[in-house]
Amino acid sequence: MTLQQLRYIIAAADSPSLNEAAKKLYISQPSLSGAIHDLEAEIGMEIFRRSSKGVSLTPEGEEFLGYARAVTEQYQLIEERYIRQTSIRKRFSVSMQHYTFAVRAFIELVRQFGMDEYDFAVYETKTSEVISDVKNFKSELGILYQSEFNHRALEKLFRENNLEFHPLFSCGVYVYMWKGHPLVGKSRICRDDLEEYPCLTFDQGLQNSFFLAEEILSTYEYKRTIKANDRATMLNLMIGLNGYTLCSGIICEELNGNEYVAVPLDTEERMTIGYIARKGMSVSPLGARYLEEIRKYQEFIL
């Protein structure tokens, strides 16, 4: 296995066809196909699935691609520092479920370190993609929650993807809604109170499993539900339809405004907010500083 072969795999995966990938690499399409075939034979695994419509990554190939990207990126850093002797921009990326406090912590990190010497990326996305991003080195950390219900299923997924979950803090369950909602005056809300109002949940796409839901109590049979795929839409639905969602109770008015409140749900269920990282890999200084910012939000738990 050579570094050149890894670059061929990455180019093939990132291009609409092998012919286009070969053009970018300034080699012939048969030469690229042969190099990929030789690598597959060497490692005893099919990286690409061939069909009349072209090639696509196999599940094993997707995992291999993540490692290939990591190796080539590390080589590029070494080359820039010790051969070209150019200045290196440090990088930090994080993927997360839809948590405003996690975005707020990211903002604080960027403000502290600035963008002149650092490259940052943040992905607020589906649960399955949080796991995939960390697994494939797209993100260093992934922010998500565990509960008594989804704990075993998620831990199995983490083991299969060579990831580890690290708890940050525990919190209760809150009903998040706008200040004009009819239930705002209650000190605690029970499920029966919510029956006539639409429960808003983040769409998990093809991976729409109860265990991957971002909202706790995902198996409860709600009378009315609406799925959304971004936080802005969900906030609009709260105002327009008196919708609600279930959350950690941590409110960031700086980002969402002061038109929303969180009221405790009458349940003994709890959420454990934490982060996932590659097993055996130490957290970078930027990652450690980001986690410090996240931990500060413990004091905002209602």
C-alpha atoms as a PDB file:
ATOM      1  CA  MET A   1       0.000   0.000   0.000  1.00  0.00           C
ATOM      2  CA  THR A   2       1.357   3.400  -0.984  1.00  0.00           C
ATOM      3  CA  LEU A   3       0.442   7.000  -0.297  1.00  0.00           C
ATOM      4  CA  GLN A   4      -0.246   7.406  -4.015  1.00  0.00           C
ATOM      5  CA  GLN A   5      -2.820   4.602  -3.914  1.00  0.00           C
ATOM      6  CA  LEU A   6      -4.567   6.296  -0.987  1.00  0.00           C
ATOM      7  CA  ARG A   7      -4.722   9.521  -2.972  1.00  0.00           C
ATOM      8  CA  TYR A   8      -6.212   7.600  -5.887  1.00  0.00           C
ATOM      9  CA  ILE A   9      -8.936   6.207  -3.609  1.00  0.00           C
ATOM     10  CA  ILE A  10      -9.777   9.687  -2.291  1.00  0.00           C
ATOM     11  CA  ALA A  11      -9.905  11.185  -5.795  1.00  0.00           C
ATOM     12  CA  ALA A  12     -12.164   8.368  -7.007  1.00  0.00           C
ATOM     13  CA  ALA A  13     -14.510   8.795  -4.053  1.00  0.00           C
ATOM     14  CA  ASP A  14     -14.707  12.574  -4.503  1.00  0.00           C
ATOM     15  CA  SER A  15     -15.344  12.512  -8.264  1.00  0.00           C
ATOM     16  CA  PRO A  16     -18.555  11.727 -10.186  1.00  0.00           C
ATOM     17  CA  SER A  17     -16.753   9.028 -12.191  1.00  0.00           C
ATOM     18  CA  LEU A  18     -13.402   7.261 -12.483  1.00  0.00           C
ATOM     19  CA  ASN A  19     -12.825   9.050 -15.759  1.00  0.00           C
ATOM     20  CA  GLU A  20     -13.162  12.452 -14.036  1.00  0.00           C
ATOM     21  CA  ALA A  21     -10.918  11.293 -11.180  1.00  0.00           C
ATOM     22  CA  ALA A  22      -8.278  10.132 -13.667  1.00  0.00           C
ATOM     23  CA  LYS A  23      -8.312  13.547 -15.370  1.00  0.00           C
ATOM     24  CA  LYS A  24      -7.712  15.278 -12.041  1.00  0.00           C
ATOM     25  CA  LEU A  25      -4.822  12.909 -11.323  1.00  0.00           C
ATOM     26  CA  TYR A  26      -3.347  13.290 -14.867  1.00  0.00           C
ATOM     27  CA  ILE A  27      -3.382   9.549 -15.465  1.00  0.00           C
ATOM     28  CA  SER A  28      -5.437   7.290 -17.698  1.00  0.00           C
ATOM     29  CA  GLN A  29      -8.687   5.770 -16.496  1.00  0.00           C
ATOM     30  CA  PRO A  30      -7.363   2.173 -16.959  1.00  0.00           C
ATOM     31  CA  SER A  31      -4.298   3.054 -14.859  1.00  0.00           C
ATOM     32  CA  LEU A  32      -6.520   4.394 -12.058  1.00  0.00           C
ATOM     33  CA  SER A  33      -8.807   1.351 -12.196  1.00  0.00           C
ATOM     34  CA  GLY A  34      -5.784  -0.953 -12.104  1.00  0.00           C
ATOM     35  CA  ALA A  35      -4.257   0.826  -9.112  1.00  0.00           C
ATOM     36  CA  ILE A  36      -7.532   0.611  -7.187  1.00  0.00           C
ATOM     37  CA  HIS A  37      -7.932  -3.066  -8.091  1.00  0.00           C
ATOM     38  CA  ASP A  38      -4.366  -3.818  -6.956  1.00  0.00           C
ATOM     39  CA  LEU A  39      -4.995  -2.146  -3.595  1.00  0.00           C
ATOM     40  CA  GLU A  40      -8.276  -4.022  -3.100  1.00  0.00           C
ATOM     41  CA  ALA A  41      -6.473  -7.280  -3.838  1.00  0.00           C
ATOM     42  CA  GLU A  42      -3.687  -6.397  -1.400  1.00  0.00           C
ATOM     43  CA  ILE A  43      -5.993  -5.639   1.518  1.00  0.00           C
ATOM     44  CA  GLY A  44      -8.512  -8.358   0.635  1.00  0.00           C
ATOM     45  CA  MET A  45     -11.488  -6.017   0.609  1.00  0.00           C
ATOM     46  CA  GLU A  46     -13.715  -4.371  -1.983  1.00  0.00           C
ATOM     47  CA  ILE A  47     -13.501  -0.590  -1.608  1.00  0.00           C
ATOM     48  CA  PHE A  48     -15.759   0.299  -4.533  1.00  0.00           C
ATOM     49  CA  ARG A  49     -18.881  -1.393  -5.855  1.00  0.00           C
ATOM     50  CA  ARG A  50     -18.963  -1.480  -9.664  1.00  0.00           C
ATOM     51  CA  SER A  51     -22.141  -1.207 -11.718  1.00  0.00           C
ATOM     52  CA  SER A  52     -23.311  -0.012 -15.122  1.00  0.00           C
ATOM     53  CA  LYS A  53     -23.856   3.432 -13.541  1.00  0.00           C
ATOM     54  CA  GLY A  54     -20.277   3.701 -12.277  1.00  0.00           C
ATOM     55  CA  VAL A  55     -18.656   3.031  -8.912  1.00  0.00           C
ATOM     56  CA  SER A  56     -19.771   3.702  -5.341  1.00  0.00           C
ATOM     57  CA  LEU A  57     -18.158   3.086  -1.992  1.00  0.00           C
ATOM     58  CA  THR A  58     -18.979  -0.089  -0.110  1.00  0.00           C
ATOM     59  CA  PRO A  59     -19.613   0.231   3.671  1.00  0.00           C
ATOM     60  CA  GLU A  60     -16.106  -1.122   4.243  1.00  0.00           C
ATOM     61  CA  GLY A  61     -14.828   1.329   1.657  1.00  0.00           C
ATOM     62  CA  GLU A  62     -16.365   4.275   3.518  1.00  0.00           C
ATOM     63  CA  GLU A  63     -14.452   3.302   6.642  1.00  0.00           C
ATOM     64  CA  PHE A  64     -11.237   2.799   4.655  1.00  0.00           C
ATOM     65  CA  LEU A  65     -11.730   6.231   3.058  1.00  0.00           C
ATOM     66  CA  GLY A  66     -11.807   7.848   6.505  1.00  0.00           C
ATOM     67  CA  TYR A  67      -8.440   6.329   7.375  1.00  0.00           C
ATOM     68  CA  ALA A  68      -7.041   7.236   3.947  1.00  0.00           C
ATOM     69  CA  ARG A  69      -8.019  10.882   4.423  1.00  0.00           C
ATOM     70  CA  ALA A  70      -6.439  10.925   7.890  1.00  0.00           C
ATOM     71  CA  VAL A  71      -3.150   9.472   6.612  1.00  0.00           C
ATOM     72  CA  THR A  72      -2.884  11.815   3.626  1.00  0.00           C
ATOM     73  CA  GLU A  73      -3.793  14.871   5.725  1.00  0.00           C
ATOM     74  CA  GLN A  74      -1.153  13.991   8.312  1.00  0.00           C
ATOM     75  CA  TYR A  75       1.419  13.470   5.565  1.00  0.00           C
ATOM     76  CA  GLN A  76       0.515  16.864   4.111  1.00  0.00           C
ATOM     77  CA  LEU A  77       1.076  18.503   7.504  1.00  0.00           C
ATOM     78  CA  ILE A  78       4.481  16.834   7.855  1.00  0.00           C
ATOM     79  CA  GLU A  79       5.413  17.829   4.324  1.00  0.00           C
ATOM     80  CA  GLU A  80       4.386  21.444   4.863  1.00  0.00           C
ATOM     81  CA  ARG A  81       6.258  21.751   8.142  1.00  0.00           C
ATOM     82  CA  TYR A  82       9.480  19.881   7.454  1.00  0.00           C
ATOM     83  CA  ILE A  83       9.924  19.932   3.680  1.00  0.00           C
ATOM     84  CA  ARG A  84       8.220  23.095   2.445  1.00  0.00           C
ATOM     85  CA  GLN A  85       8.685  24.702   5.870  1.00  0.00           C
ATOM     86  CA  THR A  86       5.446  26.647   5.557  1.00  0.00           C
ATOM     87  CA  SER A  87       3.353  27.844   8.448  1.00  0.00           C
ATOM     88  CA  ILE A  88       0.679  25.349   9.519  1.00  0.00           C
ATOM     89  CA  ARG A  89      -2.854  26.326  10.464  1.00  0.00           C
ATOM     90  CA  LYS A  90      -4.201  24.226  13.311  1.00  0.00           C
ATOM     91  CA  ARG A  91      -7.640  22.723  12.759  1.00  0.00           C
ATOM     92  CA  PHE A  92     -10.619  21.877  14.910  1.00  0.00           C
ATOM     93  CA  SER A  93     -13.991  20.531  13.849  1.00  0.00           C
ATOM     94  CA  VAL A  94     -16.943  19.275  15.870  1.00  0.00           C
ATOM     95  CA  SER A  95     -20.255  17.618  14.962  1.00  0.00           C
ATOM     96  CA  MET A  96     -23.302  17.814  17.213  1.00  0.00           C
ATOM     97  CA  GLN A  97     -26.960  17.184  17.645  1.00  0.00           C
ATOM     98  CA  HIS A  98     -29.007  20.391  17.616  1.00  0.00           C
ATOM     99  CA  TYR A  99     -27.740  21.996  20.836  1.00  0.00           C
ATOM    100  CA  THR A 100     -27.574  25.771  20.998  1.00  0.00           C
ATOM    101  CA  PHE A 101     -25.205  25.649  23.968  1.00  0.00           C
ATOM    102  CA  ALA A 102     -22.770  23.507  21.943  1.00  0.00           C
ATOM    103  CA  VAL A 103     -22.825  26.099  19.148  1.00  0.00           C
ATOM    104  CA  ARG A 104     -22.355  28.858  21.720  1.00  0.00           C
ATOM    105  CA  ALA A 105     -19.311  27.077  23.161  1.00  0.00           C
ATOM    106  CA  PHE A 106     -17.898  26.798  19.636  1.00  0.00           C
ATOM    107  CA  ILE A 107     -18.373  30.541  19.126  1.00  0.00           C
ATOM    108  CA  GLU A 108     -16.478  31.249  22.351  1.00  0.00           C
ATOM    109  CA  LEU A 109     -13.646  28.972  21.218  1.00  0.00           C
ATOM    110  CA  VAL A 110     -13.319  30.802  17.894  1.00  0.00           C
ATOM    111  CA  ARG A 111     -13.379  34.176  19.651  1.00  0.00           C
ATOM    112  CA  GLN A 112     -10.591  33.108  22.003  1.00  0.00           C
ATOM    113  CA  PHE A 113      -8.270  31.688  19.370  1.00  0.00           C
ATOM    114  CA  GLY A 114      -9.207  33.765  16.334  1.00  0.00           C
ATOM    115  CA  MET A 115      -9.255  32.668  12.721  1.00  0.00           C
ATOM    116  CA  ASP A 116      -5.907  33.996  11.544  1.00  0.00           C
ATOM    117  CA  GLU A 117      -3.974  30.885  12.570  1.00  0.00           C
ATOM    118  CA  TYR A 118      -6.757  28.313  12.931  1.00  0.00           C
ATOM    119  CA  ASP A 119      -9.285  26.591  10.686  1.00  0.00           C
ATOM    120  CA  PHE A 120     -12.623  25.769  12.330  1.00  0.00           C
ATOM    121  CA  ALA A 121     -15.659  23.752  11.271  1.00  0.00           C
ATOM    122  CA  VAL A 122     -18.949  22.974  13.030  1.00  0.00           C
ATOM    123  CA  TYR A 123     -21.650  20.575  11.849  1.00  0.00           C
ATOM    124  CA  GLU A 124     -25.096  20.589  13.473  1.00  0.00           C
ATOM    125  CA  THR A 125     -26.592  17.413  12.062  1.00  0.00           C
ATOM    126  CA  LYS A 126     -28.362  14.055  12.468  1.00  0.00           C
ATOM    127  CA  THR A 127     -27.257  11.609  15.169  1.00  0.00           C
ATOM    128  CA  SER A 128     -26.005   9.025  12.668  1.00  0.00           C
ATOM    129  CA  GLU A 129     -23.937  11.698  10.919  1.00  0.00           C
ATOM    130  CA  VAL A 130     -22.413  12.856  14.215  1.00  0.00           C
ATOM    131  CA  ILE A 131     -21.187   9.281  14.692  1.00  0.00           C
ATOM    132  CA  SER A 132     -20.053   8.986  11.070  1.00  0.00           C
ATOM    133  CA  ASP A 133     -18.216  12.334  11.124  1.00  0.00           C
ATOM    134  CA  VAL A 134     -16.107  11.342  14.122  1.00  0.00           C
ATOM    135  CA  LYS A 135     -15.530   7.829  12.815  1.00  0.00           C
ATOM    136  CA  ASN A 136     -14.309   9.151   9.452  1.00  0.00           C
ATOM    137  CA  PHE A 137     -12.116  11.930  10.936  1.00  0.00           C
ATOM    138  CA  LYS A 138     -14.327  14.695   9.558  1.00  0.00           C
ATOM    139  CA  SER A 139     -14.751  15.912  13.153  1.00  0.00           C
ATOM    140  CA  GLU A 140     -12.547  15.433  16.171  1.00  0.00           C
ATOM    141  CA  LEU A 141     -15.498  15.384  18.600  1.00  0.00           C
ATOM    142  CA  GLY A 142     -19.213  14.649  18.476  1.00  0.00           C
ATOM    143  CA  ILE A 143     -21.688  16.101  20.987  1.00  0.00           C
ATOM    144  CA  LEU A 144     -24.797  14.017  21.757  1.00  0.00           C
ATOM    145  CA  TYR A 145     -26.804  12.589  24.633  1.00  0.00           C
ATOM    146  CA  GLN A 146     -27.463   9.208  26.201  1.00  0.00           C
ATOM    147  CA  SER A 147     -30.383   8.063  28.311  1.00  0.00           C
ATOM    148  CA  GLU A 148     -31.342   4.849  30.045  1.00  0.00           C
ATOM    149  CA  PHE A 149     -33.349   3.938  26.945  1.00  0.00           C
ATOM    150  CA  ASN A 150     -30.746   4.473  24.192  1.00  0.00           C
ATOM    151  CA  HIS A 151     -27.592   3.726  26.205  1.00  0.00           C
ATOM    152  CA  ARG A 152     -27.066   0.109  25.116  1.00  0.00           C
ATOM    153  CA  ALA A 153     -27.881   0.721  21.454  1.00  0.00           C
ATOM    154  CA  LEU A 154     -25.554   3.717  21.223  1.00  0.00           C
ATOM    155  CA  GLU A 155     -22.716   1.989  23.068  1.00  0.00           C
ATOM    156  CA  LYS A 156     -22.952  -0.882  20.572  1.00  0.00           C
ATOM    157  CA  LEU A 157     -22.719   1.608  17.708  1.00  0.00           C
ATOM    158  CA  PHE A 158     -19.747   3.302  19.349  1.00  0.00           C
ATOM    159  CA  ARG A 159     -17.897  -0.009  19.782  1.00  0.00           C
ATOM    160  CA  GLU A 160     -18.560  -0.998  16.174  1.00  0.00           C
ATOM    161  CA  ASN A 161     -17.171   2.336  14.977  1.00  0.00           C
ATOM    162  CA  ASN A 162     -14.154   2.399  17.316  1.00  0.00           C
ATOM    163  CA  LEU A 163     -15.527   5.335  19.308  1.00  0.00           C
ATOM    164  CA  GLU A 164     -15.869   6.121  23.005  1.00  0.00           C
ATOM    165  CA  PHE A 165     -18.513   8.159  24.831  1.00  0.00           C
ATOM    166  CA  HIS A 166     -17.393  10.516  27.620  1.00  0.00           C
ATOM    167  CA  PRO A 167     -20.051  12.085  29.905  1.00  0.00           C
ATOM    168  CA  LEU A 168     -19.979  15.842  30.492  1.00  0.00           C
ATOM    169  CA  PHE A 169     -23.030  16.478  32.684  1.00  0.00           C
ATOM    170  CA  SER A 170     -26.481  15.148  33.509  1.00  0.00           C
ATOM    171  CA  CYS A 171     -29.779  17.026  33.290  1.00  0.00           C
ATOM    172  CA  GLY A 172     -33.525  16.523  33.515  1.00  0.00           C
ATOM    173  CA  VAL A 173     -36.080  16.761  30.707  1.00  0.00           C
ATOM    174  CA  TYR A 174     -37.719  20.083  29.821  1.00  0.00           C
ATOM    175  CA  VAL A 175     -40.457  21.223  27.486  1.00  0.00           C
ATOM    176  CA  TYR A 176     -39.077  23.921  25.192  1.00  0.00           C
ATOM    177  CA  MET A 177     -41.667  26.333  23.732  1.00  0.00           C
ATOM    178  CA  TRP A 178     -42.315  29.979  23.004  1.00  0.00           C
ATOM    179  CA  LYS A 179     -43.402  32.414  25.699  1.00  0.00           C
ATOM    180  CA  GLY A 180     -46.893  32.760  24.230  1.00  0.00           C
ATOM    181  CA  HIS A 181     -47.684  29.050  24.589  1.00  0.00           C
ATOM    182  CA  PRO A 182     -50.812  28.309  26.699  1.00  0.00           C
ATOM    183  CA  LEU A 183     -48.788  26.046  29.048  1.00  0.00           C
ATOM    184  CA  VAL A 184     -46.095  28.583  29.930  1.00  0.00           C
ATOM    185  CA  GLY A 185     -47.626  29.441  33.317  1.00  0.00           C
ATOM    186  CA  LYS A 186     -47.245  25.904  34.661  1.00  0.00           C
ATOM    187  CA  SER A 187     -44.401  25.093  37.063  1.00  0.00           C
ATOM    188  CA  ARG A 188     -44.287  21.508  35.743  1.00  0.00           C
ATOM    189  CA  ILE A 189     -45.861  19.959  32.669  1.00  0.00           C
ATOM    190  CA  CYS A 190     -47.160  16.398  32.375  1.00  0.00           C
ATOM    191  CA  ARG A 191     -47.595  14.452  29.145  1.00  0.00           C
ATOM    192  CA  ASP A 192     -51.380  14.779  29.225  1.00  0.00           C
ATOM    193  CA  ASP A 193     -50.980  18.576  29.153  1.00  0.00           C
ATOM    194  CA  LEU A 194     -49.105  18.284  25.861  1.00  0.00           C
ATOM    195  CA  GLU A 195     -51.512  15.992  24.070  1.00  0.00           C
ATOM    196  CA  GLU A 196     -53.246  18.686  21.996  1.00  0.00           C
ATOM    197  CA  TYR A 197     -50.046  20.404  20.887  1.00  0.00           C
ATOM    198  CA  PRO A 198     -47.659  19.198  18.141  1.00  0.00           C
ATOM    199  CA  CYS A 199     -44.422  17.606  19.320  1.00  0.00           C
ATOM    200  CA  LEU A 200     -41.536  18.838  17.160  1.00  0.00           C
ATOM    201  CA  THR A 201     -38.682  16.437  16.428  1.00  0.00           C
ATOM    202  CA  PHE A 202     -35.547  16.608  14.317  1.00  0.00           C
ATOM    203  CA  ASP A 203     -35.749  14.351  11.281  1.00  0.00           C
ATOM    204  CA  GLN A 204     -33.103  11.610  11.313  1.00  0.00           C
ATOM    205  CA  GLY A 205     -33.438  10.729   7.627  1.00  0.00           C
ATOM    206  CA  LEU A 206     -32.932   7.118   6.616  1.00  0.00           C
ATOM    207  CA  GLN A 207     -31.555   6.327  10.078  1.00  0.00           C
ATOM    208  CA  ASN A 208     -34.857   7.165  11.750  1.00  0.00           C
ATOM    209  CA  SER A 209     -34.498   4.828  14.744  1.00  0.00           C
ATOM    210  CA  PHE A 210     -35.948   5.450  18.205  1.00  0.00           C
ATOM    211  CA  PHE A 211     -32.430   5.005  19.557  1.00  0.00           C
ATOM    212  CA  LEU A 212     -31.030   7.760  17.323  1.00  0.00           C
ATOM    213  CA  ALA A 213     -33.740  10.323  18.084  1.00  0.00           C
ATOM    214  CA  GLU A 214     -32.435  13.628  19.431  1.00  0.00           C
ATOM    215  CA  GLU A 215     -35.438  13.974  21.711  1.00  0.00           C
ATOM    216  CA  ILE A 216     -35.723  11.812  24.808  1.00  0.00           C
ATOM    217  CA  LEU A 217     -38.917   9.719  25.287  1.00  0.00           C
ATOM    218  CA  SER A 218     -38.874   8.937  21.561  1.00  0.00           C
ATOM    219  CA  THR A 219     -41.031   5.794  21.948  1.00  0.00           C
ATOM    220  CA  TYR A 220     -43.961   7.690  23.468  1.00  0.00           C
ATOM    221  CA  GLU A 221     -46.991   7.706  21.151  1.00  0.00           C
ATOM    222  CA  TYR A 222     -47.586  11.392  20.548  1.00  0.00           C
ATOM    223  CA  LYS A 223     -50.978  12.377  19.173  1.00  0.00           C
ATOM    224  CA  ARG A 224     -49.487  15.058  16.917  1.00  0.00           C
ATOM    225  CA  THR A 225     -45.918  15.268  15.630  1.00  0.00           C
ATOM    226  CA  ILE A 226     -44.045  17.373  13.101  1.00  0.00           C
ATOM    227  CA  LYS A 227     -40.510  16.650  11.875  1.00  0.00           C
ATOM    228  CA  ALA A 228     -38.078  19.425  10.985  1.00  0.00           C
ATOM    229  CA  ASN A 229     -34.473  19.410   9.843  1.00  0.00           C
ATOM    230  CA  ASP A 230     -33.130  22.676  11.259  1.00  0.00           C
ATOM    231  CA  ARG A 231     -33.420  24.707  14.426  1.00  0.00           C
ATOM    232  CA  ALA A 232     -34.747  27.903  12.797  1.00  0.00           C
ATOM    233  CA  THR A 233     -37.715  26.051  11.310  1.00  0.00           C
ATOM    234  CA  MET A 234     -38.450  24.408  14.638  1.00  0.00           C
ATOM    235  CA  LEU A 235     -38.512  27.772  16.411  1.00  0.00           C
ATOM    236  CA  ASN A 236     -40.915  29.108  13.791  1.00  0.00           C
ATOM    237  CA  LEU A 237     -43.207  26.116  14.303  1.00  0.00           C
ATOM    238  CA  MET A 238     -43.226  26.769  18.035  1.00  0.00           C
ATOM    239  CA  ILE A 239     -44.634  30.236  17.461  1.00  0.00           C
ATOM    240  CA  GLY A 240     -46.888  29.466  14.519  1.00  0.00           C
ATOM    241  CA  LEU A 241     -48.444  26.226  15.809  1.00  0.00           C
ATOM    242  CA  ASN A 242     -47.805  26.272  19.569  1.00  0.00           C
ATOM    243  CA  GLY A 243     -45.443  23.384  19.019  1.00  0.00           C
ATOM    244  CA  TYR A 244     -42.901  22.173  21.560  1.00  0.00           C
ATOM    245  CA  THR A 245     -39.879  19.944  21.801  1.00  0.00           C
ATOM    246  CA  LEU A 246     -38.083  18.178  24.649  1.00  0.00           C
ATOM    247  CA  CYS A 247     -34.653  19.415  25.630  1.00  0.00           C
ATOM    248  CA  SER A 248     -31.954  19.656  28.299  1.00  0.00           C
ATOM    249  CA  GLY A 249     -33.295  22.914  29.738  1.00  0.00           C
ATOM    250  CA  ILE A 250     -30.167  24.882  28.846  1.00  0.00           C
ATOM    251  CA  ILE A 251     -31.266  28.113  27.170  1.00  0.00           C
ATOM    252  CA  CYS A 252     -28.964  30.389  25.162  1.00  0.00           C
ATOM    253  CA  GLU A 253     -30.807  33.646  24.643  1.00  0.00           C
ATOM    254  CA  GLU A 254     -27.806  35.136  22.837  1.00  0.00           C
ATOM    255  CA  LEU A 255     -28.504  32.863  19.859  1.00  0.00           C
ATOM    256  CA  ASN A 256     -32.198  31.954  20.029  1.00  0.00           C
ATOM    257  CA  GLY A 257     -33.493  35.209  21.514  1.00  0.00           C
ATOM    258  CA  ASN A 258     -35.611  35.672  24.625  1.00  0.00           C
ATOM    259  CA  GLU A 259     -38.923  34.503  23.161  1.00  0.00           C
ATOM    260  CA  TYR A 260     -38.553  30.915  24.374  1.00  0.00           C
ATOM    261  CA  VAL A 261     -38.737  29.144  27.733  1.00  0.00           C
ATOM    262  CA  ALA A 262     -38.076  25.692  29.160  1.00  0.00           C
ATOM    263  CA  VAL A 263     -40.498  24.184  31.703  1.00  0.00           C
ATOM    264  CA  PRO A 264     -39.703  20.924  33.565  1.00  0.00           C
ATOM    265  CA  LEU A 265     -41.479  17.815  32.297  1.00  0.00           C
ATOM    266  CA  ASP A 266     -43.020  15.653  35.009  1.00  0.00           C
ATOM    267  CA  THR A 267     -40.772  12.616  34.496  1.00  0.00           C
ATOM    268  CA  GLU A 268     -37.890  10.886  36.251  1.00  0.00           C
ATOM    269  CA  GLU A 269     -36.027  10.390  32.984  1.00  0.00           C
ATOM    270  CA  ARG A 270     -32.640  12.075  32.688  1.00  0.00           C
ATOM    271  CA  MET A 271     -30.222  12.904  29.897  1.00  0.00           C
ATOM    272  CA  THR A 272     -26.445  12.591  29.972  1.00  0.00           C
ATOM    273  CA  ILE A 273     -24.801  15.076  27.621  1.00  0.00           C
ATOM    274  CA  GLY A 274     -21.363  13.957  26.489  1.00  0.00           C
ATOM    275  CA  TYR A 275     -18.936  13.702  23.629  1.00  0.00           C
ATOM    276  CA  ILE A 276     -17.644  10.910  21.424  1.00  0.00           C
ATOM    277  CA  ALA A 277     -14.095  10.653  20.149  1.00  0.00           C
ATOM    278  CA  ARG A 278     -11.964   8.073  18.374  1.00  0.00           C
ATOM    279  CA  LYS A 279     -10.978   5.301  20.773  1.00  0.00           C
ATOM    280  CA  GLY A 280      -7.430   5.660  22.023  1.00  0.00           C
ATOM    281  CA  MET A 281      -6.905   9.134  20.539  1.00  0.00           C
ATOM    282  CA  SER A 282      -6.121  12.021  22.857  1.00  0.00           C
ATOM    283  CA  VAL A 283      -8.132  15.229  22.587  1.00  0.00           C
ATOM    284  CA  SER A 284      -6.262  18.113  20.965  1.00  0.00           C
ATOM    285  CA  PRO A 285      -5.618  21.349  22.905  1.00  0.00           C
ATOM    286  CA  LEU A 286      -8.360  23.060  20.891  1.00  0.00           C
ATOM    287  CA  GLY A 287     -10.718  20.173  21.577  1.00  0.00           C
ATOM    288  CA  ALA A 288      -9.935  20.273  25.294  1.00  0.00           C
ATOM    289  CA  ARG A 289     -10.612  24.005  25.402  1.00  0.00           C
ATOM    290  CA  TYR A 290     -13.913  23.505  23.603  1.00  0.00           C
ATOM    291  CA  LEU A 291     -14.965  20.895  26.167  1.00  0.00           C
ATOM    292  CA  GLU A 292     -14.119  23.351  28.941  1.00  0.00           C
ATOM    293  CA  GLU A 293     -16.531  25.814  27.353  1.00  0.00           C
ATOM    294  CA  ILE A 294     -19.221  23.122  27.142  1.00  0.00           C
ATOM    295  CA  ARG A 295     -18.819  22.242  30.829  1.00  0.00           C
ATOM    296  CA  LYS A 296     -19.513  25.851  31.800  1.00  0.00           C
ATOM    297  CA  TYR A 297     -23.135  25.331  30.813  1.00  0.00           C
ATOM    298  CA  GLN A 298     -23.702  23.015  33.780  1.00  0.00           C
ATOM    299  CA  GLU A 299     -24.483  26.124  35.825  1.00  0.00           C
ATOM    300  CA  PHE A 300     -27.270  27.020  33.377  1.00  0.00           C
ATOM    301  CA  ILE A 301     -29.157  23.758  33.944  1.00  0.00           C
ATOM    302  CA  LEU A 302     -32.565  24.773  35.233  1.00  0.00           C
END
